[in-house]
């Protein structure tokens, strides 16, 4: 759900479960023009291919946050992921 302004009177929803490449906006309440459709691959991590070698390489450098794995919003914020000496990854709950 998206609220395009601070009044929260207009609600726009996107169905992220679709199989089409784009998620089309639907006005749930309020009024106004609809924004452009969104590219699902940029929003839904499951719709992106991440190869195991890429995953391992991202965490091998022990950068904080780890190297980006996807094309949409980052999966990790700074300080959210820690690599321990045995190379396991622990995600911190914010």
Protein backbone atom coordinates (compact mmCIF):
# COMPACT_ATOMS: atom_id res chain seq x y z
CA UNK A 1 0.00 0.00 0.00
CA UNK A 2 1.21 3.48 -0.88
CA UNK A 3 0.01 6.78 0.54
CA UNK A 4 1.05 9.47 -1.96
CA UNK A 5 0.84 12.33 0.55
CA UNK A 6 0.88 13.03 4.27
CA UNK A 7 -2.92 13.14 4.60
CA UNK A 8 -3.19 9.33 4.17
CA UNK A 9 -6.61 9.87 2.57
CA UNK A 10 -5.59 8.33 -0.74
CA UNK A 11 -4.48 4.70 -0.74
CA UNK A 12 -2.90 3.00 -3.73
CA UNK A 13 -2.29 -0.75 -3.70
CA UNK A 14 -0.12 -3.00 -5.85
CA UNK A 15 -0.53 -6.76 -6.16
CA UNK A 16 2.99 -8.11 -5.72
CA UNK A 17 1.93 -11.73 -6.24
CA UNK A 18 1.33 -11.45 -9.98
CA UNK A 19 3.23 -13.22 -12.71
CA UNK A 20 3.32 -10.21 -15.04
CA UNK A 21 6.52 -8.15 -15.09
CA UNK A 22 4.66 -5.03 -13.92
CA UNK A 23 2.48 -4.38 -10.87
CA UNK A 24 -0.29 -2.01 -11.84
CA UNK A 25 -1.55 0.50 -9.25
CA UNK A 26 -5.15 0.34 -8.04
CA UNK A 27 -6.88 3.14 -6.17
CA UNK A 28 -8.20 1.71 -2.90
CA UNK A 29 -9.55 4.92 -1.42
CA UNK A 30 -9.42 8.63 -2.03
CA UNK A 31 -8.92 10.27 -5.40
CA UNK A 32 -6.19 11.42 -7.73
CA UNK A 33 -4.15 10.17 -10.60
CA UNK A 34 -2.44 6.81 -10.43
CA UNK A 35 1.35 6.51 -10.58
CA UNK A 36 3.18 4.43 -13.16
CA UNK A 37 3.22 0.63 -12.80
CA UNK A 38 6.14 -0.81 -10.83
CA UNK A 39 8.64 -3.37 -12.10
CA UNK A 40 8.12 -6.42 -9.87
CA UNK A 41 11.69 -7.66 -10.23
CA UNK A 42 12.87 -4.48 -8.48
CA UNK A 43 10.51 -5.03 -5.53
CA UNK A 44 10.27 -8.77 -4.94
CA UNK A 45 13.57 -10.44 -4.07
CA UNK A 46 12.19 -13.88 -5.02
CA UNK A 47 11.86 -12.69 -8.63
CA UNK A 48 15.63 -12.12 -8.92
CA UNK A 49 18.28 -14.73 -9.55
CA UNK A 50 21.16 -14.70 -7.07
CA UNK A 51 23.76 -17.36 -7.71
CA UNK A 52 25.37 -19.06 -4.74
CA UNK A 53 28.85 -17.89 -5.78
CA UNK A 54 27.59 -14.29 -5.86
CA UNK A 55 26.02 -14.69 -2.39
CA UNK A 56 29.26 -16.10 -0.92
CA UNK A 57 31.41 -13.42 -2.58
CA UNK A 58 29.21 -10.65 -1.19
CA UNK A 59 29.88 -11.75 2.38
CA UNK A 60 33.51 -12.85 1.94
CA UNK A 61 34.69 -9.22 1.96
CA UNK A 62 33.11 -8.63 5.40
CA UNK A 63 31.88 -5.22 4.32
CA UNK A 64 29.11 -3.61 6.36
CA UNK A 65 26.67 -3.59 4.69
CA UNK A 66 27.53 -6.51 2.38
CA UNK A 67 27.81 -5.90 -1.37
CA UNK A 68 24.47 -5.48 -3.14
CA UNK A 69 22.88 -8.71 -4.35
CA UNK A 70 19.79 -7.37 -6.04
CA UNK A 71 18.63 -4.54 -8.30
CA UNK A 72 15.93 -3.16 -5.99
CA UNK A 73 16.22 -1.84 -2.46
CA UNK A 74 19.21 -3.17 -0.54
CA UNK A 75 18.60 -6.25 1.58
CA UNK A 76 20.83 -4.93 4.36
CA UNK A 77 21.24 -1.60 6.05
CA UNK A 78 24.57 -0.57 7.52
CA UNK A 79 25.13 -2.44 10.78
CA UNK A 80 22.35 -4.93 10.07
CA UNK A 81 24.49 -7.90 9.05
CA UNK A 82 27.49 -9.32 10.86
CA UNK A 83 29.84 -11.98 9.60
CA UNK A 84 31.30 -14.22 12.27
CA UNK A 85 34.64 -16.01 11.99
CA UNK A 86 32.99 -19.23 10.81
CA UNK A 87 31.45 -17.26 7.90
CA UNK A 88 27.86 -17.63 9.04
CA UNK A 89 25.62 -14.62 8.67
CA UNK A 90 23.53 -13.27 11.51
CA UNK A 91 20.81 -10.77 10.70
CA UNK A 92 20.07 -8.27 13.43
CA UNK A 93 16.47 -7.29 14.04
CA UNK A 94 16.17 -3.49 13.98
